[in-house]
Protein backbone atom coordinates (compact mmCIF):
# COMPACT_ATOMS: atom_id res chain seq x y z
CA UNK A 1 0.00 0.00 0.00
CA UNK A 2 2.83 2.40 0.76
CA UNK A 3 4.35 2.01 -2.70
CA UNK A 4 0.98 2.80 -4.29
CA UNK A 5 0.62 5.94 -2.17
CA UNK A 6 4.13 7.10 -2.99
CA UNK A 7 3.69 6.59 -6.73
CA UNK A 8 0.19 8.11 -6.82
CA UNK A 9 1.24 11.05 -4.61
CA UNK A 10 4.26 11.77 -6.77
CA UNK A 11 2.16 11.62 -9.94
CA UNK A 12 -0.54 13.87 -8.43
CA UNK A 13 1.92 16.49 -7.14
CA UNK A 14 3.81 16.62 -10.43
CA UNK A 15 0.57 16.87 -12.42
CA UNK A 16 -0.61 19.83 -10.32
CA UNK A 17 2.79 21.51 -10.55
CA UNK A 18 3.05 21.01 -14.30
CA UNK A 19 -0.48 22.38 -14.79
CA UNK A 20 0.28 25.47 -12.71
CA UNK A 21 3.57 26.11 -14.53
CA UNK A 22 1.94 25.54 -17.93
CA UNK A 23 -0.90 27.96 -17.15
CA UNK A 24 1.25 30.74 -15.71
CA UNK A 25 3.94 30.63 -18.39
CA UNK A 26 1.45 30.53 -21.26
CA UNK A 27 -0.58 33.40 -19.76
CA UNK A 28 2.59 35.47 -19.54
CA UNK A 29 3.50 34.47 -23.12
CA UNK A 30 0.07 35.58 -24.35
CA UNK A 31 0.49 38.94 -22.60
CA UNK A 32 3.99 39.40 -24.05
CA UNK A 33 2.84 38.08 -27.46
CA UNK A 34 5.34 35.22 -27.51
CA UNK A 35 4.96 31.66 -28.73
CA UNK A 36 2.98 29.27 -26.52
CA UNK A 37 4.64 26.17 -25.09
CA UNK A 38 3.16 22.69 -25.10
CA UNK A 39 2.22 20.84 -21.91
CA UNK A 40 4.74 18.10 -22.69
CA UNK A 41 7.60 20.54 -22.10
CA UNK A 42 6.49 20.82 -18.47
CA UNK A 43 5.44 17.22 -17.94
CA UNK A 44 8.00 14.98 -19.68
CA UNK A 45 10.70 16.94 -21.47
CA UNK A 46 13.03 15.30 -23.96
CA UNK A 47 16.71 15.46 -23.21
CA UNK A 48 19.12 14.57 -20.48
CA UNK A 49 18.40 13.25 -17.01
CA UNK A 50 19.36 16.68 -15.66
CA UNK A 51 16.57 18.31 -17.68
CA UNK A 52 14.05 15.75 -16.40
CA UNK A 53 15.19 16.27 -12.80
CA UNK A 54 15.00 20.04 -13.24
CA UNK A 55 11.43 19.78 -14.57
CA UNK A 56 10.32 17.42 -11.78
CA UNK A 57 11.77 19.76 -9.15
CA UNK A 58 10.06 22.78 -10.68
CA UNK A 59 6.74 20.94 -10.76
CA UNK A 60 7.04 19.90 -7.12
CA UNK A 61 7.96 23.42 -6.01
CA UNK A 62 5.00 24.91 -7.91
CA UNK A 63 2.65 22.37 -6.33
CA UNK A 64 4.11 23.11 -2.89
CA UNK A 65 3.39 26.83 -3.33
CA UNK A 66 -0.20 26.08 -4.32
CA UNK A 67 -0.73 23.77 -1.35
CA UNK A 68 0.75 26.31 1.10
CA UNK A 69 -1.43 29.11 -0.30
CA UNK A 70 -4.52 26.88 -0.01
CA UNK A 71 -3.67 25.97 3.58
CA UNK A 72 -3.15 29.63 4.51
CA UNK A 73 -6.48 30.56 2.92
CA UNK A 74 -8.29 27.72 4.66
CA UNK A 75 -6.75 28.67 8.00
CA UNK A 76 -7.45 32.38 7.54
CA UNK A 77 -11.07 32.05 6.40
CA UNK A 78 -11.84 29.05 8.58
CA UNK A 79 -11.81 31.07 11.79
PDB file of N, CA and C in Angstrom:
ATOM      1  N   UNK A   1       0.816  -1.197   0.000  1.00  0.00           N
ATOM      2  CA  UNK A   1       0.000   0.000   0.000  1.00  0.00           C
ATOM      3  C   UNK A   1       0.862   1.264   0.000  1.00  0.00           C
ATOM      4  N   UNK A   2       1.977   1.220   0.704  1.00  0.00           N
ATOM      5  CA  UNK A   2       2.833   2.404   0.762  1.00  0.00           C
ATOM      6  C   UNK A   2       3.403   2.757  -0.604  1.00  0.00           C
ATOM      7  N   UNK A   3       3.800   1.759  -1.364  1.00  0.00           N
ATOM      8  CA  UNK A   3       4.345   2.006  -2.703  1.00  0.00           C
ATOM      9  C   UNK A   3       3.303   2.670  -3.584  1.00  0.00           C
ATOM     10  N   UNK A   4       2.060   2.210  -3.504  1.00  0.00           N
ATOM     11  CA  UNK A   4       0.979   2.800  -4.292  1.00  0.00           C
ATOM     12  C   UNK A   4       0.788   4.263  -3.911  1.00  0.00           C
ATOM     13  N   UNK A   5       0.806   4.561  -2.625  1.00  0.00           N
ATOM     14  CA  UNK A   5       0.619   5.939  -2.169  1.00  0.00           C
ATOM     15  C   UNK A   5       1.769   6.829  -2.613  1.00  0.00           C
ATOM     16  N   UNK A   6       2.972   6.311  -2.574  1.00  0.00           N
ATOM     17  CA  UNK A   6       4.129   7.102  -2.994  1.00  0.00           C
ATOM     18  C   UNK A   6       4.049   7.411  -4.487  1.00  0.00           C
ATOM     19  N   UNK A   7       3.759   6.397  -5.284  1.00  0.00           N
ATOM     20  CA  UNK A   7       3.690   6.593  -6.735  1.00  0.00           C
ATOM     21  C   UNK A   7       2.529   7.511  -7.103  1.00  0.00           C
ATOM     22  N   UNK A   8       1.351   7.279  -6.513  1.00  0.00           N
ATOM     23  CA  UNK A   8       0.194   8.110  -6.819  1.00  0.00           C
ATOM     24  C   UNK A   8       0.409   9.538  -6.335  1.00  0.00           C
ATOM     25  N   UNK A   9       0.975   9.714  -5.145  1.00  0.00           N
ATOM     26  CA  UNK A   9       1.241  11.048  -4.615  1.00  0.00           C
ATOM     27  C   UNK A   9       2.225  11.812  -5.470  1.00  0.00           C
ATOM     28  N   UNK A  10       3.263  11.130  -5.909  1.00  0.00           N
ATOM     29  CA  UNK A  10       4.260  11.773  -6.766  1.00  0.00           C
ATOM     30  C   UNK A  10       3.628  12.198  -8.086  1.00  0.00           C
ATOM     31  N   UNK A  11       2.837  11.319  -8.681  1.00  0.00           N
ATOM     32  CA  UNK A  11       2.161  11.625  -9.940  1.00  0.00           C
ATOM     33  C   UNK A  11       1.220  12.812  -9.767  1.00  0.00           C
ATOM     34  N   UNK A  12       0.441  12.815  -8.688  1.00  0.00           N
ATOM     35  CA  UNK A  12      -0.541  13.865  -8.428  1.00  0.00           C
ATOM     36  C   UNK A  12       0.143  15.214  -8.220  1.00  0.00           C
ATOM     37  N   UNK A  13       1.205  15.234  -7.421  1.00  0.00           N
ATOM     38  CA  UNK A  13       1.921  16.487  -7.144  1.00  0.00           C
ATOM     39  C   UNK A  13       2.569  17.026  -8.416  1.00  0.00           C
ATOM     40  N   UNK A  14       3.175  16.157  -9.197  1.00  0.00           N
ATOM     41  CA  UNK A  14       3.811  16.624 -10.430  1.00  0.00           C
ATOM     42  C   UNK A  14       2.787  17.088 -11.456  1.00  0.00           C
ATOM     43  N   UNK A  15       1.625  16.447 -11.502  1.00  0.00           N
ATOM     44  CA  UNK A  15       0.574  16.873 -12.422  1.00  0.00           C
ATOM     45  C   UNK A  15       0.062  18.263 -12.051  1.00  0.00           C
ATOM     46  N   UNK A  16      -0.159  18.504 -10.773  1.00  0.00           N
ATOM     47  CA  UNK A  16      -0.610  19.827 -10.321  1.00  0.00           C
ATOM     48  C   UNK A  16       0.463  20.877 -10.621  1.00  0.00           C
ATOM     49  N   UNK A  17       1.707  20.567 -10.292  1.00  0.00           N
ATOM     50  CA  UNK A  17       2.794  21.510 -10.546  1.00  0.00           C
ATOM     51  C   UNK A  17       2.973  21.823 -12.018  1.00  0.00           C
ATOM     52  N   UNK A  18       2.899  20.794 -12.857  1.00  0.00           N
ATOM     53  CA  UNK A  18       3.046  21.011 -14.301  1.00  0.00           C
ATOM     54  C   UNK A  18       1.888  21.841 -14.840  1.00  0.00           C
ATOM     55  N   UNK A  19       0.686  21.605 -14.336  1.00  0.00           N
ATOM     56  CA  UNK A  19      -0.478  22.376 -14.785  1.00  0.00           C
ATOM     57  C   UNK A  19      -0.354  23.839 -14.391  1.00  0.00           C
ATOM     58  N   UNK A  20       0.100  24.096 -13.182  1.00  0.00           N
ATOM     59  CA  UNK A  20       0.284  25.474 -12.712  1.00  0.00           C
ATOM     60  C   UNK A  20       1.351  26.172 -13.550  1.00  0.00           C
ATOM     61  N   UNK A  21       2.498  25.517 -13.731  1.00  0.00           N
ATOM     62  CA  UNK A  21       3.572  26.115 -14.529  1.00  0.00           C
ATOM     63  C   UNK A  21       3.134  26.359 -15.965  1.00  0.00           C
ATOM     64  N   UNK A  22       2.432  25.402 -16.557  1.00  0.00           N
ATOM     65  CA  UNK A  22       1.939  25.538 -17.933  1.00  0.00           C
ATOM     66  C   UNK A  22       1.002  26.740 -18.047  1.00  0.00           C
ATOM     67  N   UNK A  23       0.075  26.860 -17.109  1.00  0.00           N
ATOM     68  CA  UNK A  23      -0.900  27.955 -17.155  1.00  0.00           C
ATOM     69  C   UNK A  23      -0.225  29.310 -16.991  1.00  0.00           C
ATOM     70  N   UNK A  24       0.616  29.447 -15.979  1.00  0.00           N
ATOM     71  CA  UNK A  24       1.246  30.742 -15.708  1.00  0.00           C
ATOM     72  C   UNK A  24       2.186  31.176 -16.835  1.00  0.00           C
ATOM     73  N   UNK A  25       2.983  30.262 -17.336  1.00  0.00           N
ATOM     74  CA  UNK A  25       3.936  30.626 -18.390  1.00  0.00           C
ATOM     75  C   UNK A  25       3.215  30.965 -19.685  1.00  0.00           C
ATOM     76  N   UNK A  26       2.165  30.216 -20.023  1.00  0.00           N
ATOM     77  CA  UNK A  26       1.445  30.526 -21.261  1.00  0.00           C
ATOM     78  C   UNK A  26       0.620  31.801 -21.134  1.00  0.00           C
ATOM     79  N   UNK A  27       0.109  32.116 -19.957  1.00  0.00           N
ATOM     80  CA  UNK A  27      -0.583  33.397 -19.762  1.00  0.00           C
ATOM     81  C   UNK A  27       0.404  34.550 -19.948  1.00  0.00           C
ATOM     82  N   UNK A  28       1.601  34.408 -19.366  1.00  0.00           N
ATOM     83  CA  UNK A  28       2.593  35.472 -19.539  1.00  0.00           C
ATOM     84  C   UNK A  28       3.061  35.558 -20.993  1.00  0.00           C
ATOM     85  N   UNK A  29       3.127  34.434 -21.693  1.00  0.00           N
ATOM     86  CA  UNK A  29       3.502  34.466 -23.115  1.00  0.00           C
ATOM     87  C   UNK A  29       2.419  35.109 -23.969  1.00  0.00           C
ATOM     88  N   UNK A  30       1.161  34.921 -23.624  1.00  0.00           N
ATOM     89  CA  UNK A  30       0.069  35.584 -24.345  1.00  0.00           C
ATOM     90  C   UNK A  30       0.147  37.089 -24.135  1.00  0.00           C
ATOM     91  N   UNK A  31       0.398  37.509 -22.904  1.00  0.00           N
ATOM     92  CA  UNK A  31       0.493  38.938 -22.598  1.00  0.00           C
ATOM     93  C   UNK A  31       1.673  39.568 -23.344  1.00  0.00           C
ATOM     94  N   UNK A  32       2.804  38.872 -23.374  1.00  0.00           N
ATOM     95  CA  UNK A  32       3.994  39.396 -24.046  1.00  0.00           C
ATOM     96  C   UNK A  32       4.033  39.070 -25.531  1.00  0.00           C
ATOM     97  N   UNK A  33       2.972  38.445 -26.045  1.00  0.00           N
ATOM     98  CA  UNK A  33       2.843  38.080 -27.459  1.00  0.00           C
ATOM     99  C   UNK A  33       4.002  37.210 -27.935  1.00  0.00           C
ATOM    100  N   UNK A  34       4.315  36.192 -27.136  1.00  0.00           N
ATOM    101  CA  UNK A  34       5.336  35.223 -27.511  1.00  0.00           C
ATOM    102  C   UNK A  34       4.670  33.903 -27.853  1.00  0.00           C
ATOM    103  N   UNK A  35       5.467  32.967 -28.324  1.00  0.00           N
ATOM    104  CA  UNK A  35       4.964  31.656 -28.732  1.00  0.00           C
ATOM    105  C   UNK A  35       4.571  30.828 -27.506  1.00  0.00           C
ATOM    106  N   UNK A  36       3.442  30.120 -27.617  1.00  0.00           N
ATOM    107  CA  UNK A  36       2.977  29.272 -26.524  1.00  0.00           C
ATOM    108  C   UNK A  36       3.784  27.978 -26.475  1.00  0.00           C
ATOM    109  N   UNK A  37       3.908  27.416 -25.269  1.00  0.00           N
ATOM    110  CA  UNK A  37       4.641  26.166 -25.087  1.00  0.00           C
ATOM    111  C   UNK A  37       3.661  25.029 -24.858  1.00  0.00           C
ATOM    112  N   UNK A  38       4.039  23.846 -25.269  1.00  0.00           N
ATOM    113  CA  UNK A  38       3.158  22.686 -25.099  1.00  0.00           C
ATOM    114  C   UNK A  38       3.275  22.143 -23.674  1.00  0.00           C
ATOM    115  N   UNK A  39       2.246  21.408 -23.263  1.00  0.00           N
ATOM    116  CA  UNK A  39       2.224  20.841 -21.915  1.00  0.00           C
ATOM    117  C   UNK A  39       3.326  19.803 -21.734  1.00  0.00           C
ATOM    118  N   UNK A  40       3.711  19.143 -22.799  1.00  0.00           N
ATOM    119  CA  UNK A  40       4.736  18.098 -22.688  1.00  0.00           C
ATOM    120  C   UNK A  40       6.098  18.660 -22.286  1.00  0.00           C
ATOM    121  N   UNK A  41       6.340  19.929 -22.539  1.00  0.00           N
ATOM    122  CA  UNK A  41       7.602  20.536 -22.101  1.00  0.00           C
ATOM    123  C   UNK A  41       7.671  20.655 -20.583  1.00  0.00           C
ATOM    124  N   UNK A  42       6.528  20.713 -19.928  1.00  0.00           N
ATOM    125  CA  UNK A  42       6.488  20.822 -18.473  1.00  0.00           C
ATOM    126  C   UNK A  42       6.285  19.472 -17.799  1.00  0.00           C
ATOM    127  N   UNK A  43       5.764  18.514 -18.531  1.00  0.00           N
ATOM    128  CA  UNK A  43       5.437  17.217 -17.940  1.00  0.00           C
ATOM    129  C   UNK A  43       6.567  16.215 -18.150  1.00  0.00           C
ATOM    130  N   UNK A  44       6.934  15.933 -19.380  1.00  0.00           N
ATOM    131  CA  UNK A  44       8.003  14.975 -19.676  1.00  0.00           C
ATOM    132  C   UNK A  44       8.885  15.533 -20.781  1.00  0.00           C
ATOM    133  N   UNK A  45       9.861  16.337 -20.428  1.00  0.00           N
ATOM    134  CA  UNK A  45      10.701  16.937 -21.466  1.00  0.00           C
ATOM    135  C   UNK A  45      11.671  15.919 -22.065  1.00  0.00           C
ATOM    136  N   UNK A  46      12.002  16.121 -23.318  1.00  0.00           N
ATOM    137  CA  UNK A  46      13.032  15.303 -23.956  1.00  0.00           C
ATOM    138  C   UNK A  46      14.394  15.863 -23.566  1.00  0.00           C
ATOM    139  N   UNK A  47      15.367  14.998 -23.506  1.00  0.00           N
ATOM    140  CA  UNK A  47      16.709  15.463 -23.209  1.00  0.00           C
ATOM    141  C   UNK A  47      17.369  14.642 -22.129  1.00  0.00           C
ATOM    142  N   UNK A  48      18.302  15.260 -21.468  1.00  0.00           N
ATOM    143  CA  UNK A  48      19.121  14.571 -20.482  1.00  0.00           C
ATOM    144  C   UNK A  48      18.360  14.322 -19.183  1.00  0.00           C
ATOM    145  N   UNK A  49      18.974  13.519 -18.336  1.00  0.00           N
ATOM    146  CA  UNK A  49      18.405  13.246 -17.012  1.00  0.00           C
ATOM    147  C   UNK A  49      18.366  14.532 -16.179  1.00  0.00           C
ATOM    148  N   UNK A  50      19.342  15.410 -16.385  1.00  0.00           N
ATOM    149  CA  UNK A  50      19.360  16.675 -15.659  1.00  0.00           C
ATOM    150  C   UNK A  50      18.123  17.505 -15.990  1.00  0.00           C
ATOM    151  N   UNK A  51      17.750  17.548 -17.258  1.00  0.00           N
ATOM    152  CA  UNK A  51      16.567  18.311 -17.680  1.00  0.00           C
ATOM    153  C   UNK A  51      15.305  17.725 -17.056  1.00  0.00           C
ATOM    154  N   UNK A  52      15.208  16.397 -17.012  1.00  0.00           N
ATOM    155  CA  UNK A  52      14.048  15.752 -16.399  1.00  0.00           C
ATOM    156  C   UNK A  52      13.988  16.043 -14.906  1.00  0.00           C
ATOM    157  N   UNK A  53      15.141  15.981 -14.232  1.00  0.00           N
ATOM    158  CA  UNK A  53      15.188  16.270 -12.801  1.00  0.00           C
ATOM    159  C   UNK A  53      14.826  17.724 -12.531  1.00  0.00           C
ATOM    160  N   UNK A  54      15.308  18.619 -13.382  1.00  0.00           N
ATOM    161  CA  UNK A  54      14.997  20.040 -13.240  1.00  0.00           C
ATOM    162  C   UNK A  54      13.495  20.287 -13.386  1.00  0.00           C
ATOM    163  N   UNK A  55      12.868  19.629 -14.344  1.00  0.00           N
ATOM    164  CA  UNK A  55      11.431  19.785 -14.569  1.00  0.00           C
ATOM    165  C   UNK A  55      10.627  19.213 -13.410  1.00  0.00           C
ATOM    166  N   UNK A  56      11.013  18.025 -12.919  1.00  0.00           N
ATOM    167  CA  UNK A  56      10.316  17.423 -11.784  1.00  0.00           C
ATOM    168  C   UNK A  56      10.410  18.317 -10.554  1.00  0.00           C
ATOM    169  N   UNK A  57      11.585  18.876 -10.312  1.00  0.00           N
ATOM    170  CA  UNK A  57      11.769  19.756  -9.154  1.00  0.00           C
ATOM    171  C   UNK A  57      10.917  21.010  -9.281  1.00  0.00           C
ATOM    172  N   UNK A  58      10.893  21.601 -10.459  1.00  0.00           N
ATOM    173  CA  UNK A  58      10.057  22.783 -10.682  1.00  0.00           C
ATOM    174  C   UNK A  58       8.584  22.490 -10.479  1.00  0.00           C
ATOM    175  N   UNK A  59       8.138  21.325 -10.938  1.00  0.00           N
ATOM    176  CA  UNK A  59       6.736  20.936 -10.759  1.00  0.00           C
ATOM    177  C   UNK A  59       6.400  20.759  -9.283  1.00  0.00           C
ATOM    178  N   UNK A  60       7.291  20.123  -8.549  1.00  0.00           N
ATOM    179  CA  UNK A  60       7.039  19.903  -7.116  1.00  0.00           C
ATOM    180  C   UNK A  60       7.035  21.213  -6.338  1.00  0.00           C
ATOM    181  N   UNK A  61       7.921  22.128  -6.691  1.00  0.00           N
ATOM    182  CA  UNK A  61       7.956  23.424  -6.009  1.00  0.00           C
ATOM    183  C   UNK A  61       6.690  24.217  -6.306  1.00  0.00           C
ATOM    184  N   UNK A  62       6.238  24.205  -7.552  1.00  0.00           N
ATOM    185  CA  UNK A  62       5.000  24.908  -7.912  1.00  0.00           C
ATOM    186  C   UNK A  62       3.810  24.329  -7.159  1.00  0.00           C
ATOM    187  N   UNK A  63       3.738  23.009  -7.065  1.00  0.00           N
ATOM    188  CA  UNK A  63       2.645  22.367  -6.329  1.00  0.00           C
ATOM    189  C   UNK A  63       2.727  22.702  -4.844  1.00  0.00           C
ATOM    190  N   UNK A  64       3.938  22.755  -4.301  1.00  0.00           N
ATOM    191  CA  UNK A  64       4.108  23.107  -2.888  1.00  0.00           C
ATOM    192  C   UNK A  64       3.590  24.515  -2.621  1.00  0.00           C
ATOM    193  N   UNK A  65       3.904  25.468  -3.490  1.00  0.00           N
ATOM    194  CA  UNK A  65       3.395  26.832  -3.329  1.00  0.00           C
ATOM    195  C   UNK A  65       1.871  26.860  -3.333  1.00  0.00           C
ATOM    196  N   UNK A  66       1.264  26.117  -4.242  1.00  0.00           N
ATOM    197  CA  UNK A  66      -0.202  26.082  -4.321  1.00  0.00           C
ATOM    198  C   UNK A  66      -0.794  25.492  -3.050  1.00  0.00           C
ATOM    199  N   UNK A  67      -0.218  24.392  -2.565  1.00  0.00           N
ATOM    200  CA  UNK A  67      -0.731  23.766  -1.346  1.00  0.00           C
ATOM    201  C   UNK A  67      -0.586  24.687  -0.137  1.00  0.00           C
ATOM    202  N   UNK A  68       0.539  25.388  -0.033  1.00  0.00           N
ATOM    203  CA  UNK A  68       0.747  26.307   1.096  1.00  0.00           C
ATOM    204  C   UNK A  68      -0.245  27.461   1.030  1.00  0.00           C
ATOM    205  N   UNK A  69      -0.462  28.015  -0.149  1.00  0.00           N
ATOM    206  CA  UNK A  69      -1.429  29.106  -0.298  1.00  0.00           C
ATOM    207  C   UNK A  69      -2.827  28.633   0.069  1.00  0.00           C
ATOM    208  N   UNK A  70      -3.198  27.426  -0.369  1.00  0.00           N
ATOM    209  CA  UNK A  70      -4.516  26.884  -0.014  1.00  0.00           C
ATOM    210  C   UNK A  70      -4.655  26.678   1.488  1.00  0.00           C
ATOM    211  N   UNK A  71      -3.614  26.165   2.133  1.00  0.00           N
ATOM    212  CA  UNK A  71      -3.669  25.967   3.583  1.00  0.00           C
ATOM    213  C   UNK A  71      -3.790  27.293   4.329  1.00  0.00           C
ATOM    214  N   UNK A  72      -3.061  28.307   3.876  1.00  0.00           N
ATOM    215  CA  UNK A  72      -3.152  29.626   4.508  1.00  0.00           C
ATOM    216  C   UNK A  72      -4.556  30.196   4.339  1.00  0.00           C
ATOM    217  N   UNK A  73      -5.125  30.065   3.150  1.00  0.00           N
ATOM    218  CA  UNK A  73      -6.485  30.564   2.919  1.00  0.00           C
ATOM    219  C   UNK A  73      -7.510  29.811   3.756  1.00  0.00           C
ATOM    220  N   UNK A  74      -7.368  28.507   3.847  1.00  0.00           N
ATOM    221  CA  UNK A  74      -8.293  27.717   4.665  1.00  0.00           C
ATOM    222  C   UNK A  74      -8.170  28.111   6.127  1.00  0.00           C
ATOM    223  N   UNK A  75      -6.950  28.285   6.610  1.00  0.00           N
ATOM    224  CA  UNK A  75      -6.753  28.672   8.004  1.00  0.00           C
ATOM    225  C   UNK A  75      -7.304  30.072   8.266  1.00  0.00           C
ATOM    226  N   UNK A  76      -7.035  30.993   7.340  1.00  0.00           N
ATOM    227  CA  UNK A  76      -7.455  32.381   7.535  1.00  0.00           C
ATOM    228  C   UNK A  76      -8.975  32.523   7.508  1.00  0.00           C
ATOM    229  N   UNK A  77      -9.630  31.909   6.539  1.00  0.00           N
ATOM    230  CA  UNK A  77     -11.073  32.055   6.403  1.00  0.00           C
ATOM    231  C   UNK A  77     -11.853  31.024   7.204  1.00  0.00           C
ATOM    232  N   UNK A  78     -11.165  30.066   7.785  1.00  0.00           N
ATOM    233  CA  UNK A  78     -11.838  29.047   8.579  1.00  0.00           C
ATOM    234  C   UNK A  78     -12.137  29.495   9.999  1.00  0.00           C
ATOM    235  N   UNK A  79     -11.604  30.617  10.405  1.00  0.00           N
ATOM    236  CA  UNK A  79     -11.810  31.073  11.789  1.00  0.00           C
ATOM    237  C   UNK A  79     -13.054  31.896  11.919  1.00  0.00           C
TER     238      UNK A  79
END
